[in-house]
Protein backbone atom coordinates (compact mmCIF):
# COMPACT_ATOMS: atom_id res chain seq x y z
CA MET A 1 27.74 106.04 97.47
CA LYS A 2 29.74 109.23 97.45
CA GLN A 3 32.79 108.93 95.33
CA MET A 4 36.22 110.40 96.03
CA SER A 5 38.61 111.57 93.37
CA LEU A 6 41.84 109.69 92.84
CA TRP A 7 43.76 112.89 93.62
CA GLY A 8 42.03 113.33 96.95
CA LEU A 9 42.36 109.64 97.80
CA ILE A 10 46.14 109.78 97.36
CA VAL A 11 47.18 113.35 98.21
CA ILE A 12 45.16 114.05 101.39
CA PRO A 13 46.28 110.93 103.37
CA PHE A 14 49.90 111.50 102.38
CA ALA A 15 49.73 115.15 103.43
CA LEU A 16 48.24 114.20 106.83
CA LEU A 17 50.88 111.49 107.31
CA ALA A 18 53.63 113.99 106.50
CA VAL A 19 52.44 116.41 109.20
CA LEU A 20 51.74 113.70 111.79
CA GLY A 21 55.02 111.87 111.12
CA GLY A 22 57.07 115.06 111.40
CA ILE A 23 55.45 116.03 114.73
CA THR A 24 55.87 112.50 116.15
CA VAL A 25 59.52 112.14 115.17
CA TYR A 26 60.41 115.62 116.43
CA TRP A 27 58.72 114.99 119.81
CA PHE A 28 60.28 111.55 120.17
CA SER A 29 63.80 112.79 119.33
CA THR A 30 63.46 115.74 121.72
CA VAL A 31 62.34 113.54 124.62
CA THR A 32 64.91 110.78 124.13
CA ILE A 33 67.97 112.77 123.00
CA ALA A 34 69.51 112.92 126.50
CA ASN A 35 69.19 109.17 127.12
CA VAL A 36 70.50 108.28 123.68
CA SER A 37 73.50 110.59 124.01
CA ASP A 38 74.33 109.17 127.45
CA ASN A 39 74.17 105.59 126.14
CA VAL A 40 76.33 106.43 123.13
CA GLY A 41 78.81 108.26 125.36
CA LEU A 42 79.01 105.40 127.87
CA HIS A 43 79.51 102.86 125.10
CA TYR A 44 82.32 104.96 123.63
CA MET A 45 83.99 105.48 127.02
CA ARG A 46 83.88 101.79 127.89
CA GLU A 47 85.40 100.90 124.55
CA ILE A 48 88.29 103.31 125.20
CA GLU A 49 88.77 102.19 128.81
CA THR A 50 88.77 98.53 127.75
CA ARG A 51 91.52 99.22 125.23
CA VAL A 52 93.56 101.02 127.88
CA TYR A 53 92.84 98.31 130.48
CA ASP A 54 94.04 95.56 128.13
CA ARG A 55 97.10 97.57 127.08
CA VAL A 56 98.18 98.24 130.69
CA ASN A 57 97.82 94.59 131.69
CA GLU A 58 99.72 93.45 128.60
CA PHE A 59 102.44 96.07 129.17
CA MET A 60 102.92 95.32 132.89
CA ALA A 61 102.72 91.50 132.63
CA PRO A 62 106.46 90.99 131.86
CA LEU A 63 107.40 92.66 135.19
CA ASN A 64 105.94 89.99 137.45
CA THR A 65 106.51 87.17 134.92
CA ILE A 66 110.27 87.81 134.71
CA ALA A 67 110.54 88.44 138.47
CA GLU A 68 108.78 85.14 139.20
CA ILE A 69 110.87 83.23 136.63
CA ASN A 70 114.15 84.56 138.04
CA GLN A 71 113.02 83.96 141.62
CA GLN A 72 112.27 80.31 140.87
CA ALA A 73 115.24 79.69 138.53
CA ILE A 74 117.93 81.16 140.79
CA GLY A 75 116.30 79.60 143.87
CA HIS A 76 116.62 76.18 142.25
CA HIS A 77 120.13 76.90 140.93
CA PRO A 78 122.13 78.61 143.71
CA GLU A 79 125.29 77.45 141.91
CA TRP A 80 124.65 80.24 139.37
CA LEU A 81 125.88 82.70 142.01
CA ASP A 82 129.35 81.30 141.38
CA ASP A 83 129.09 82.61 137.80
CA LEU A 84 127.16 85.89 137.82
CA ASP A 85 128.36 86.59 134.26
CA PHE A 86 125.96 83.84 133.13
CA VAL A 87 123.18 85.52 135.13
CA ALA A 88 124.04 88.81 133.37
CA GLY A 89 123.58 87.17 129.98
CA ARG A 90 120.29 85.64 131.10
CA LEU A 91 118.96 89.02 132.30
CA TYR A 92 120.08 90.73 129.08
CA GLU A 93 118.31 88.15 126.88
CA GLN A 94 115.14 88.40 128.99
CA ALA A 95 114.93 92.15 128.26
CA LEU A 96 115.33 91.84 124.47
CA PRO A 97 111.60 91.48 123.61
CA TYR A 98 110.58 94.47 125.78
CA PRO A 99 111.93 97.86 124.61
CA TYR A 100 110.69 99.70 127.72
CA MET A 101 112.04 97.13 130.24
CA THR A 102 114.67 99.41 131.81
CA PHE A 103 116.17 97.15 134.50
CA ILE A 104 116.32 93.43 135.24
CA SER A 105 118.73 92.88 138.10
CA PHE A 106 119.95 90.51 140.78
CA ALA A 107 121.74 91.49 144.00
CA THR A 108 123.35 88.75 146.06
CA ALA A 109 123.16 88.57 149.83
CA ASP A 110 126.93 89.27 149.99
CA GLY A 111 126.60 92.55 148.03
CA ARG A 112 127.47 91.56 144.46
CA TYR A 113 125.23 93.06 141.79
CA VAL A 114 124.48 92.45 138.10
CA ASN A 115 121.82 93.88 135.82
CA SER A 116 120.52 94.41 132.32
CA THR A 117 120.15 98.15 131.73
CA ARG A 118 118.24 99.96 128.98
CA ASP A 119 117.41 103.66 128.85
CA PRO A 120 113.65 104.49 128.94
CA PHE A 121 113.61 105.23 125.22
CA GLY A 122 115.25 101.96 124.18
CA ASP A 123 118.32 103.63 122.60
CA SER A 124 121.02 101.90 124.68
CA HIS A 125 121.11 98.37 126.12
CA HIS A 126 124.02 96.90 128.10
CA VAL A 127 124.93 95.03 131.28
CA ALA A 128 126.44 96.34 134.53
CA THR A 129 128.22 94.71 137.47
CA ASN A 130 129.97 95.83 140.66
CA TYR A 131 132.49 92.96 140.76
CA THR A 132 134.10 92.77 137.28
CA GLY A 133 136.50 95.69 137.73
CA GLU A 134 137.33 97.33 141.04
CA PRO A 135 135.50 95.50 143.86
CA GLY A 136 132.32 97.36 144.75
CA SER A 137 132.54 99.67 141.71
CA LEU A 138 129.40 99.56 139.55
CA ALA A 139 130.40 99.87 135.89
CA ALA A 140 128.73 99.34 132.51
CA PHE A 141 129.85 96.76 129.94
CA HIS A 142 128.91 95.87 126.39
CA TYR A 143 126.99 92.61 126.03
CA ASP A 144 129.00 89.72 124.59
CA PRO A 145 126.79 86.87 123.27
CA LEU A 146 129.52 84.32 124.07
CA ASN A 147 131.07 85.56 127.33
CA TYR A 148 128.10 87.76 128.39
CA ILE A 149 130.34 90.49 129.89
CA GLY A 150 132.11 92.33 127.12
CA ALA A 151 134.31 95.42 126.98
CA ARG A 152 133.93 98.26 129.49
CA MET A 153 131.75 101.17 128.27
CA LEU A 154 133.98 104.20 128.82
CA ASP A 155 131.20 106.71 128.10
CA GLU A 156 129.18 105.42 131.08
CA PRO A 157 130.27 106.58 134.59
CA ALA A 158 131.29 104.14 137.32
CA TYR A 159 129.86 104.31 140.87
CA ASP A 160 132.35 103.43 143.59
CA GLY A 161 131.20 101.73 146.76
CA TYR A 162 127.94 100.55 145.24
CA ASP A 163 126.17 98.26 147.71
CA PRO A 164 122.79 97.08 146.34
CA ARG A 165 121.69 96.00 149.81
CA LYS A 166 121.30 99.68 150.71
CA ARG A 167 119.09 100.44 147.72
CA PRO A 168 115.28 100.83 148.13
CA PHE A 169 114.46 97.86 145.85
CA TYR A 170 116.49 95.50 148.08
CA GLN A 171 115.26 96.90 151.38
CA ASP A 172 111.61 97.00 150.24
CA ALA A 173 111.71 93.35 149.15
CA MET A 174 113.30 92.26 152.41
CA ALA A 175 110.83 94.29 154.48
CA GLU A 176 107.90 92.81 152.56
CA GLN A 177 109.43 89.29 152.52
CA GLY A 178 107.90 88.84 149.11
CA MET A 179 107.00 90.69 145.92
CA SER A 180 107.19 94.45 146.54
CA TRP A 181 106.24 97.31 144.21
CA SER A 182 108.47 100.38 144.15
CA SER A 183 107.12 103.91 144.17
CA ILE A 184 106.58 105.49 140.76
CA THR A 185 109.47 107.96 140.30
CA PRO A 186 111.23 109.67 137.37
CA TYR A 187 114.39 108.14 135.90
CA PHE A 188 117.48 110.24 136.56
CA GLY A 189 118.38 112.17 133.38
CA TYR A 190 115.27 111.07 131.41
CA GLN A 191 111.80 112.55 131.00
CA SER A 192 110.00 109.40 131.98
CA LEU A 193 108.44 107.83 135.04
CA GLY A 194 109.29 104.27 136.02
CA VAL A 195 107.97 101.56 138.34
CA GLY A 196 109.65 98.40 139.59
CA LEU A 197 108.93 95.05 141.24
CA SER A 198 111.41 93.21 143.49
CA THR A 199 111.40 90.00 145.52
CA PRO A 200 113.83 88.08 147.73
CA VAL A 201 115.23 84.78 146.45
CA TYR A 202 115.80 81.80 148.75
CA ASP A 203 117.32 78.40 148.08
CA GLN A 204 115.54 75.12 148.81
CA GLN A 205 116.73 75.22 152.44
CA GLY A 206 115.33 78.72 153.00
CA GLN A 207 118.73 80.45 152.88
CA LEU A 208 118.63 83.99 151.44
CA LEU A 209 120.46 84.18 148.10
CA GLY A 210 119.62 87.78 147.21
CA VAL A 211 116.96 89.98 145.61
CA THR A 212 115.85 90.09 141.98
CA ALA A 213 114.09 93.15 140.55
CA THR A 214 112.50 94.40 137.34
CA SER A 215 111.64 97.94 136.23
CA VAL A 216 109.72 99.39 133.29
CA ALA A 217 109.54 102.90 131.79
CA LEU A 218 105.98 104.27 131.81
CA ILE A 219 106.67 106.63 128.89
CA ALA A 220 105.25 103.90 126.66
CA LEU A 221 101.83 104.12 128.36
CA ASP A 222 101.90 107.92 128.07
CA LYS A 223 102.59 107.64 124.33
CA TYR A 224 99.84 105.04 123.95
CA LEU A 225 97.19 107.27 125.56
CA GLN A 226 98.26 110.15 123.31
CA SER A 227 97.94 107.92 120.23
CA ILE A 228 94.29 107.03 120.89
CA GLY A 229 92.02 108.91 118.49
CA LEU A 230 89.65 110.59 120.93
CA VAL A 231 86.73 112.80 119.99
CA GLU A 232 87.25 116.53 120.44
CA ASP A 233 87.68 117.78 124.04
CA SER A 234 87.80 114.21 125.41
CA TYR A 235 90.42 112.93 127.86
CA VAL A 236 91.80 109.64 129.15
CA PHE A 237 94.24 109.22 132.04
CA LEU A 238 95.96 106.63 134.24
CA ALA A 239 96.34 107.47 137.92
CA GLU A 240 97.26 105.93 141.23
CA PRO A 241 94.58 105.69 143.97
CA ASN A 242 95.97 108.88 145.57
CA GLY A 243 95.39 110.76 142.31
CA ASN A 244 99.02 110.95 141.13
CA LEU A 245 99.06 110.80 137.34
CA ILE A 246 100.85 107.99 135.48
CA ALA A 247 99.92 108.90 131.89
CA THR A 248 97.48 111.21 130.08
CA SER A 249 96.19 111.77 126.58
CA ASN A 250 96.99 115.50 126.45
CA ASN A 251 100.80 115.40 126.68
CA SER A 252 100.86 117.32 129.97
CA ALA A 253 103.72 117.18 132.49
CA LEU A 254 103.56 114.26 134.92
CA TYR A 255 106.05 115.67 137.44
CA ASN A 256 107.93 118.88 138.24
CA GLU A 257 111.41 119.50 139.64
CA ASP A 258 111.97 122.35 142.06
CA GLY A 259 115.38 122.80 143.64
CA GLY A 260 116.34 119.22 142.98
CA LEU A 261 113.12 117.90 144.52
CA VAL A 262 110.71 115.94 142.32
CA LYS A 263 106.99 116.49 142.79
CA ARG A 264 104.45 114.32 141.00
CA VAL A 265 101.50 116.00 139.26
CA SER A 266 98.15 114.76 140.56
CA LEU A 267 94.59 115.18 139.35
CA ALA A 268 93.90 117.50 142.27
CA THR A 269 96.83 119.82 141.41
CA HIS A 270 96.47 119.68 137.62
CA THR A 271 96.11 122.98 135.75
CA ASN A 272 93.42 121.51 133.52
CA PRO A 273 90.06 122.05 135.32
CA VAL A 274 88.63 118.85 133.77
CA PHE A 275 91.34 116.74 135.44
CA HIS A 276 90.92 118.71 138.64
CA HIS A 277 87.20 117.89 138.85
CA ALA A 278 87.88 114.27 137.85
CA GLY A 279 90.24 113.93 140.82
CA GLU A 280 87.41 114.82 143.20
CA ARG A 281 85.46 111.70 142.08
CA LEU A 282 88.19 109.13 141.54
CA THR A 283 86.00 106.13 142.33
CA PRO A 284 85.09 103.24 140.00
CA GLY A 285 81.83 103.72 138.13
CA SER A 286 80.06 106.22 135.86
CA HIS A 287 79.68 109.86 136.85
CA GLU A 288 78.55 113.18 135.42
CA LEU A 289 80.82 116.21 135.86
CA MET A 290 80.05 119.89 135.39
CA VAL A 291 83.16 121.87 134.44
CA GLY A 292 82.07 125.46 134.06
CA HIS A 293 79.21 125.37 131.57
CA ASP A 294 80.30 122.05 130.06
CA SER A 295 78.91 118.68 131.07
CA TYR A 296 81.09 115.56 130.86
CA LEU A 297 80.36 111.86 131.00
CA TYR A 298 83.06 110.37 133.25
CA ASN A 299 83.87 106.70 133.79
CA VAL A 300 86.50 105.22 136.12
CA ARG A 301 87.70 101.61 136.11
CA ALA A 302 90.15 99.95 138.49
CA ILE A 303 93.10 98.04 137.04
CA ASP A 304 94.17 95.40 139.57
CA LEU A 305 97.80 94.45 138.92
CA PRO A 306 99.42 91.43 140.63
CA TYR A 307 100.63 91.65 144.22
CA GLY A 308 98.24 94.28 145.47
CA LYS A 309 98.93 97.15 143.03
CA THR A 310 95.86 99.07 141.81
CA TRP A 311 95.69 101.82 139.18
CA TYR A 312 92.69 103.68 137.77
CA VAL A 313 91.84 104.46 134.15
CA GLY A 314 89.49 107.40 133.64
CA VAL A 315 87.73 108.53 130.43
CA LEU A 316 85.92 111.87 130.05
CA VAL A 317 83.75 112.73 127.03
CA PRO A 318 81.75 115.98 126.61
CA GLU A 319 78.02 115.34 126.39
CA SER A 320 77.66 118.21 123.93
CA TYR A 321 79.50 116.25 121.26
CA TYR A 322 77.01 113.38 121.14
CA ALA A 323 74.00 115.50 121.95
CA GLY A 324 74.83 117.85 119.09
CA ILE A 325 75.29 115.02 116.60
CA LEU A 326 72.07 113.26 117.59
CA LYS A 327 70.08 116.49 117.79
CA GLY A 328 71.22 117.50 114.33
CA PHE A 329 70.43 114.01 113.09
CA SER A 330 66.89 114.13 114.46
CA GLN A 331 66.24 117.52 112.87
CA VAL A 332 67.52 116.33 109.52
CA LEU A 333 65.42 113.20 109.90
CA VAL A 334 62.28 115.26 110.46
CA LEU A 335 63.05 117.42 107.42
CA VAL A 336 63.71 114.37 105.25
CA LEU A 337 60.45 112.74 106.36
CA ILE A 338 58.47 115.86 105.60
CA ILE A 339 60.06 116.20 102.17
CA LEU A 340 59.50 112.53 101.51
CA PHE A 341 55.83 112.62 102.45
CA VAL A 342 55.23 115.81 100.46
CA SER A 343 56.93 114.22 97.48
CA PHE A 344 54.68 111.21 97.84
CA ALA A 345 51.64 113.48 97.91
CA LEU A 346 52.72 115.29 94.74
CA ALA A 347 53.53 112.03 93.02
CA GLY A 348 50.14 110.68 94.02
CA SER A 349 48.49 113.75 92.52
CA LEU A 350 50.19 113.19 89.18
CA ILE A 351 49.42 109.50 89.27
CA ALA A 352 45.75 110.22 89.98
CA SER A 353 45.57 112.68 87.06
CA PHE A 354 47.15 110.63 84.33
CA ILE A 355 46.97 106.95 85.27
CA GLY A 356 43.87 104.82 84.82
CA GLN A 357 43.28 101.59 83.12
CA PRO A 358 46.59 101.69 81.20
CA ILE A 359 48.59 101.74 84.41
CA LEU A 360 46.63 98.79 85.73
CA ARG A 361 47.58 96.83 82.63
CA LEU A 362 51.19 97.87 83.03
CA ASN A 363 51.07 96.87 86.70
CA GLU A 364 49.55 93.47 85.92
CA ALA A 365 52.16 92.81 83.24
CA ILE A 366 55.06 93.87 85.50
CA THR A 367 53.88 92.11 88.66
CA ALA A 368 53.43 88.92 86.62
CA ASN A 369 57.27 88.81 86.37
CA SER A 370 56.92 87.75 82.75
CA LEU A 371 58.62 89.40 79.80
CA THR A 372 56.07 87.70 77.53
CA ARG A 373 53.18 89.59 79.24
CA ILE A 374 54.97 92.91 78.66
CA ARG A 375 55.58 92.12 74.96
CA GLN A 376 51.84 91.36 74.57
CA LEU A 377 50.64 94.82 75.80
CA PRO A 378 48.25 96.45 73.26
CA GLN A 379 49.36 99.45 71.19
CA PRO A 380 48.56 102.23 71.56
CA LEU A 381 48.33 101.65 75.31
CA SER A 382 46.92 105.07 76.30
CA ARG A 383 45.97 108.48 74.98
CA VAL A 384 48.50 109.96 77.36
CA ARG A 385 51.68 110.36 75.39
CA GLU A 386 54.04 109.57 78.27
CA ILE A 387 52.17 106.42 79.29
CA ASN A 388 51.98 105.23 75.73
CA SER A 389 55.72 105.92 75.27
CA LEU A 390 56.39 104.03 78.51
CA GLY A 391 54.48 101.04 77.17
CA ARG A 392 56.45 101.02 73.92
CA ARG A 393 59.76 101.37 75.77
CA LEU A 394 58.85 98.58 78.15
CA GLN A 395 58.05 96.33 75.19
CA HIS A 396 61.33 97.29 73.54
CA MET A 397 63.25 96.63 76.77
CA ALA A 398 61.48 93.28 77.18
CA HIS A 399 62.68 92.21 73.73
CA GLU A 400 66.25 93.36 74.45
CA LEU A 401 66.30 91.78 77.91
CA SER A 402 65.16 88.48 76.51
CA ASP A 403 68.10 88.55 74.09
CA THR A 404 70.73 89.62 76.64
CA LEU A 405 69.69 87.57 79.69
CA GLN A 406 71.26 84.44 78.30
CA ASN A 407 74.58 86.22 77.60
CA LEU A 408 74.44 87.95 80.99
CA GLU A 409 73.98 84.71 82.91
CA GLN A 410 77.00 83.22 81.15
CA LYS A 411 79.14 86.30 81.86
CA VAL A 412 78.08 86.36 85.51
CA ALA A 413 78.99 82.70 85.88
CA GLN A 414 82.42 83.30 84.28
CA ARG A 415 83.08 86.36 86.45
CA THR A 416 82.00 84.55 89.59
CA SER A 417 84.37 81.69 88.85
CA HIS A 418 87.22 84.12 88.17
CA LEU A 419 86.62 86.05 91.40
CA LYS A 420 86.50 82.81 93.37
CA ASP A 421 89.89 81.77 91.98
CA GLU A 422 91.37 85.19 92.75
CA ASN A 423 89.98 85.18 96.30
CA GLU A 424 91.40 81.72 96.95
CA LEU A 425 94.82 82.87 95.66
CA LEU A 426 94.76 86.03 97.80
CA LEU A 427 93.76 84.05 100.88
CA GLU A 428 96.61 81.59 100.33
CA GLN A 429 99.15 84.41 99.84
CA SER A 430 97.99 86.28 102.97
CA THR A 431 98.23 83.21 105.20
CA THR A 432 101.51 81.70 103.92
CA ASP A 433 105.07 82.56 104.95
CA GLU A 434 106.97 83.51 101.80
CA LEU A 435 110.28 81.91 102.85
CA THR A 436 109.28 78.57 104.40
CA LYS A 437 105.93 78.11 102.62
CA LEU A 438 104.42 77.31 106.02
CA TYR A 439 101.44 79.11 107.45
CA ASN A 440 102.34 82.56 108.81
CA ARG A 441 100.98 83.97 112.06
CA ARG A 442 97.75 85.10 110.39
CA GLY A 443 97.23 81.66 108.89
CA PHE A 444 98.01 80.05 112.23
CA ASN A 445 95.46 82.29 114.01
CA LEU A 446 92.74 81.28 111.54
CA LEU A 447 93.47 77.55 111.62
CA SER A 448 94.19 77.32 115.35
CA GLU A 449 90.70 78.56 116.15
CA GLN A 450 89.28 75.84 113.88
CA ALA A 451 91.48 73.19 115.51
CA HIS A 452 90.46 74.35 118.99
CA ALA A 453 86.77 74.18 118.05
CA GLN A 454 87.21 70.77 116.37
CA ALA A 455 88.93 69.30 119.44
CA GLN A 456 86.20 70.63 121.70
CA GLN A 457 83.38 69.41 119.45
CA GLN A 458 84.88 65.92 119.01
CA GLN A 459 86.08 65.74 122.64
CA ARG A 460 89.64 65.00 121.55
CA SER A 461 92.96 66.09 123.00
CA LEU A 462 94.71 69.27 121.81
CA CYS A 463 98.46 69.90 121.87
CA MET A 464 100.38 73.13 121.12
CA VAL A 465 104.18 73.32 120.72
CA LEU A 466 106.24 76.53 120.40
CA CYS A 467 109.84 75.91 119.33
CA ASP A 468 112.80 78.19 118.75
CA ILE A 469 116.10 77.64 116.91
CA ASP A 470 118.90 77.80 119.48
CA HIS A 471 121.56 80.49 118.90
CA PHE A 472 119.99 81.43 115.56
CA LYS A 473 121.26 84.99 115.91
CA LEU A 474 124.83 83.68 115.79
CA VAL A 475 124.09 81.93 112.47
CA ASN A 476 122.90 85.22 110.94
CA ASP A 477 125.73 87.24 112.50
CA ASN A 478 128.52 84.82 111.55
CA HIS A 479 127.30 83.43 108.22
CA GLY A 480 124.81 85.98 106.89
CA HIS A 481 121.06 86.05 106.44
CA ASN A 482 121.16 83.90 103.29
CA ILE A 483 122.54 81.00 105.33
CA GLY A 484 120.01 81.83 108.08
CA ASP A 485 117.18 81.61 105.54
CA GLN A 486 118.43 78.20 104.36
CA VAL A 487 118.48 76.97 107.96
CA LEU A 488 114.89 78.18 108.43
CA GLU A 489 113.81 76.32 105.29
CA ILE A 490 115.52 73.11 106.49
CA VAL A 491 113.86 73.31 109.91
CA ALA A 492 110.48 73.95 108.31
CA LYS A 493 110.91 70.93 105.98
CA VAL A 494 111.95 68.60 108.83
CA LEU A 495 109.02 69.73 110.99
CA THR A 496 106.43 69.15 108.25
CA ASP A 497 107.98 65.77 107.38
CA HIS A 498 107.51 64.54 110.95
CA PHE A 499 103.90 65.61 111.45
CA ARG A 500 100.63 64.66 109.82
CA PRO A 501 99.09 66.64 106.93
CA THR A 502 96.18 67.46 109.26
CA ASP A 503 98.50 69.01 111.87
CA ILE A 504 99.15 72.76 111.78
CA VAL A 505 102.80 73.80 111.35
CA ALA A 506 103.45 77.55 111.11
CA ARG A 507 106.27 80.03 111.27
CA TYR A 508 105.33 82.16 114.28
CA GLY A 509 107.94 84.82 113.71
CA GLY A 510 111.73 85.11 113.30
CA GLU A 511 113.20 81.74 114.26
CA GLU A 512 110.08 80.57 116.11
CA PHE A 513 107.74 77.83 114.84
CA ILE A 514 104.43 76.76 116.32
CA LEU A 515 102.48 73.51 115.96
CA ILE A 516 98.99 72.30 116.86
CA THR A 517 97.83 68.68 116.81
CA VAL A 518 94.38 67.22 117.50
CA GLY A 519 93.85 63.72 118.88
CA MET A 520 97.53 62.96 119.49
CA THR A 521 98.86 61.86 122.90
CA GLN A 522 101.59 63.78 124.67
CA ALA A 523 103.93 60.81 124.28
CA GLU A 524 103.33 60.70 120.52
CA VAL A 525 104.03 64.43 120.14
CA THR A 526 107.17 64.14 122.29
CA GLU A 527 108.43 61.21 120.20
CA ARG A 528 107.94 63.17 116.95
CA LEU A 529 109.74 66.23 118.40
CA GLN A 530 112.65 64.06 119.51
CA ALA A 531 112.80 62.61 116.00
CA VAL A 532 112.90 66.15 114.58
CA SER A 533 115.83 67.02 116.86
CA ARG A 534 117.71 63.84 115.85
CA VAL A 535 117.25 64.51 112.14
CA LEU A 536 118.37 68.14 112.47
CA LYS A 537 121.52 67.12 114.34
CA GLN A 538 122.37 64.66 111.54
CA HIS A 539 121.23 66.92 108.68
CA PRO A 540 124.07 68.64 106.76
CA MET A 541 123.77 72.35 107.38
CA PRO A 542 124.97 75.12 105.02
CA HIS A 543 127.08 76.71 107.80
CA GLN A 544 128.86 73.47 108.84
CA GLY A 545 127.23 73.58 112.24
CA THR A 546 124.57 71.71 114.18
CA ILE A 547 121.09 73.09 114.68
CA THR A 548 119.12 72.34 117.87
CA LEU A 549 115.64 73.38 118.92
CA SER A 550 114.14 74.27 122.27
CA TYR A 551 110.47 73.39 122.78
CA GLY A 552 107.62 74.55 125.01
CA MET A 553 104.68 72.11 124.91
CA THR A 554 101.15 72.26 126.37
CA HIS A 555 98.94 69.15 126.05
CA LEU A 556 95.26 69.23 126.98
CA GLU A 557 93.02 66.19 127.23
CA SER A 558 90.12 68.60 126.73
CA SER A 559 90.41 71.88 124.83
CA ALA A 560 87.85 73.39 127.20
CA GLN A 561 90.55 73.42 129.89
CA MET A 562 92.32 76.43 128.39
CA SER A 563 91.74 79.14 125.77
CA LEU A 564 94.04 79.57 122.77
CA ASP A 565 95.51 82.79 124.21
CA ASP A 566 96.25 81.03 127.50
CA MET A 567 97.85 78.09 125.65
CA ILE A 568 100.09 80.47 123.66
CA HIS A 569 101.11 82.21 126.88
CA ASP A 570 101.76 78.84 128.54
CA VAL A 571 103.96 77.43 125.75
CA ASP A 572 105.81 80.76 125.53
CA THR A 573 106.63 80.57 129.26
CA LYS A 574 107.77 76.94 128.89
CA LEU A 575 109.91 77.86 125.89
CA TYR A 576 111.60 80.50 128.04
CA GLN A 577 112.27 77.81 130.64
CA ALA A 578 113.78 75.53 127.99
CA LYS A 579 115.96 78.35 126.63
CA ASN A 580 117.09 79.45 130.07
CA THR A 581 117.83 75.97 131.44
CA GLY A 582 120.27 74.75 128.80
CA ARG A 583 118.35 74.73 125.46
CA ASP A 584 117.88 71.69 123.16
CA LYS A 585 115.10 70.27 125.33
CA ILE A 586 111.34 69.90 125.62
CA VAL A 587 109.56 71.57 128.54
CA SER A 588 105.97 70.38 128.96
């Protein structure tokens, strides 16, 4: 039988594999580069558009929520029209959580008008009426937390003869006989677009009481798109179906003024050729655009807002970016493979020249996973100096390893125990509110998911309660934050005292607390909450006052009926109802 040298047996196959592997990888990368780049680009675009889609829906949700709440609340309480100052305070408080909520207003059928007004950049917030001073004169007033209408704001102009029934928001709502979106237009005196939603309000007998409206500044969406970290030469935009731009990622003008006339900038009239071409294919789906010599991946998604309003989000990413990265990667990969295979061939040549029986002994001793076998290797092991030195060093290392393994195992065990203790401490600190020692929002998010899963697995009821300390701002304003902190600690203690150790009680933020119980009936939860309210009313408070809570409660017989996010939204809405219908009550 013809024999082959060890050098040839190792070097020749490795050399052939190096050549064949390089050719195969290069061909495969060249053929598939276009498909891979398209898939990567589409994945990136859909991630961006999903972020924008979620942000727009979250940002616009308060418009219809507040409009619906006011429509129902005023419709059920027509007597509020006898005290529009109270309505002014209600509208002002509704706008507090939303910095870009510019207007929340109500116009009566007899022409009286009240609103909460905030400039598009959130710098000024006040109320305005057309009945407090001269009849029919619309003037601005500071907000008074007790009387709602405070002192007149002399730096704000008054508008004589202001009749809200002649304004577009009123006439649009009456023409539509329901929820009506306003046209997107710039705010007078501000570099921002705005959009509004209005609806007529009727009492239980169908008598028209007036029109309520909300408006939001779209500058926030423009800033959000500009804050997204896009890859170079990429774009994202929001547009109406007719192509008029709402927001873009490149800080371009959204409207122009010429001779007092305002003209919106659209995709079709945009100076940027990428936007111009995008406007020609403003239809949902994935497209490919050629802009000059550049190719773009282009994806459009419809955003369906409530009451028939539709916007489009578009994302454009240059194909060259991903193609260049992947092409360079494939070339580097080929080079690395070639170098790797050549290195293997050279290493095989050396191995074939100098390793024989000694290396087999070394291999047997090492693969036996036994330090004893290594210590028993014969000496000298080989005539080759390096192999013989390797054998001696391995024996020396085997002796040292035998001595240190015992100490190492002990140190590893001690270090592992120490790290476990530190991790548990860090986890507790990151999920606990420093003031009340309750779970914070992060801790609540972690435990609420576990409670939701437990209730679903065990087919038990799930209850969530969001509560808020009534008039807590007055405690801080009148008595200081130290007294406010003491009140928060008292409320936290009373809540935990009245619920089981297995229930989740957390500080949700500010003066808000949130609870979750599993396997407790709605009547049991209500009874415990009533007990909490009784104890707080009788508890001596550091500010010599009485503390009351307003509650929003959602009870599910099966946790599969509603997701956690939906439950949080539901109890938040009910808490608003409790706050806006007299406070110190439970709305379930």
